[in-house]
Amino acid sequence: MAKLVRVSDETYQKLHEISAHLQLQNKKKTSLNEAMVYLFGLRDKVVSQALTRPVPEAPKPKGHSPMKQFSLHHQKFL
């Protein structure tokens, strides 16, 4: 079932550019719907890669001890 979707003029132009790129690549007419499906596929691929990539650990500062900092701070109040 077709639905009406409102997009800005800039977005509409970009969708036409993507559609034209796909037409050249696939050597067949491509609709704006196919251009959006293509973009959704790219997004899904990027999200999937981000979810499977290990999260890097934050580097720990050298010579930094939270307890040492706490004890120095605590001594000021004694």
Protein backbone atom coordinates (compact mmCIF):
# COMPACT_ATOMS: atom_id res chain seq x y z
CA MET A 1 0.00 0.00 0.00
CA ALA A 2 1.45 3.35 -1.01
CA LYS A 3 1.78 6.12 1.60
CA LEU A 4 2.41 9.81 1.27
CA VAL A 5 5.69 10.94 2.85
CA ARG A 6 6.68 14.58 3.05
CA VAL A 7 10.35 15.41 2.69
CA SER A 8 12.24 18.66 2.26
CA ASP A 9 13.37 19.76 -1.18
CA GLU A 10 16.97 18.99 -0.20
CA THR A 11 16.09 15.44 0.89
CA TYR A 12 14.05 14.91 -2.27
CA GLN A 13 17.03 15.99 -4.39
CA LYS A 14 19.39 13.68 -2.49
CA LEU A 15 17.00 10.74 -2.93
CA HIS A 16 16.98 11.42 -6.69
CA GLU A 17 20.79 11.47 -6.70
CA ILE A 18 20.91 8.12 -4.89
CA SER A 19 18.28 6.74 -7.24
CA ALA A 20 20.35 7.88 -10.24
CA HIS A 21 23.46 6.24 -8.77
CA LEU A 22 21.55 2.98 -8.33
CA GLN A 23 20.21 3.20 -11.89
CA LEU A 24 23.74 3.51 -13.25
CA GLN A 25 24.97 0.72 -11.00
CA ASN A 26 22.12 -1.72 -11.69
CA LYS A 27 21.39 -0.59 -15.28
CA LYS A 28 17.64 -0.44 -14.64
CA LYS A 29 15.11 2.15 -13.56
CA THR A 30 15.09 2.74 -9.83
CA SER A 31 12.32 4.34 -7.79
CA LEU A 32 12.73 6.65 -4.83
CA ASN A 33 11.32 3.82 -2.72
CA GLU A 34 14.17 1.56 -3.85
CA ALA A 35 16.63 4.34 -3.01
CA MET A 36 15.23 4.52 0.53
CA VAL A 37 15.32 0.73 0.91
CA TYR A 38 18.97 0.86 -0.20
CA LEU A 39 19.72 3.51 2.45
CA PHE A 40 17.95 1.46 5.14
CA GLY A 41 20.11 -1.51 4.16
CA LEU A 42 23.26 0.60 4.56
CA ARG A 43 22.09 1.80 7.95
CA ASP A 44 21.33 -1.75 9.09
CA LYS A 45 24.79 -2.86 7.98
CA VAL A 46 26.50 -0.04 9.89
CA VAL A 47 24.44 -0.70 13.03
CA SER A 48 25.14 -4.43 12.81
CA GLN A 49 28.89 -3.81 12.51
CA ALA A 50 28.81 -1.40 15.45
CA LEU A 51 27.01 -3.95 17.62
CA THR A 52 29.47 -6.73 16.83
CA ARG A 53 32.59 -4.58 17.31
CA PRO A 54 34.17 -4.93 20.76
CA VAL A 55 33.99 -1.80 22.89
CA PRO A 56 37.48 -0.47 23.61
CA GLU A 57 38.34 0.06 27.27
CA ALA A 58 39.09 3.58 28.38
CA PRO A 59 42.79 4.08 29.15
CA LYS A 60 43.53 4.30 32.85
CA PRO A 61 45.57 7.32 33.91
CA LYS A 62 49.07 6.45 35.04
CA GLY A 63 49.87 7.01 38.69
CA HIS A 64 46.27 7.84 39.53
CA SER A 65 44.74 6.15 42.55
CA PRO A 66 41.23 7.18 43.58
CA MET A 67 41.94 6.10 47.18
CA LYS A 68 45.09 8.23 47.31
CA GLN A 69 43.13 11.22 46.08
CA PHE A 70 40.39 10.50 48.62
CA SER A 71 42.85 10.17 51.49
CA LEU A 72 44.57 13.47 50.58
CA HIS A 73 41.21 15.18 50.34
CA HIS A 74 40.10 13.63 53.64
CA GLN A 75 43.27 14.79 55.45
CA LYS A 76 42.42 18.42 54.67
CA PHE A 77 39.33 18.12 56.85
CA LEU A 78 41.13 16.60 59.86
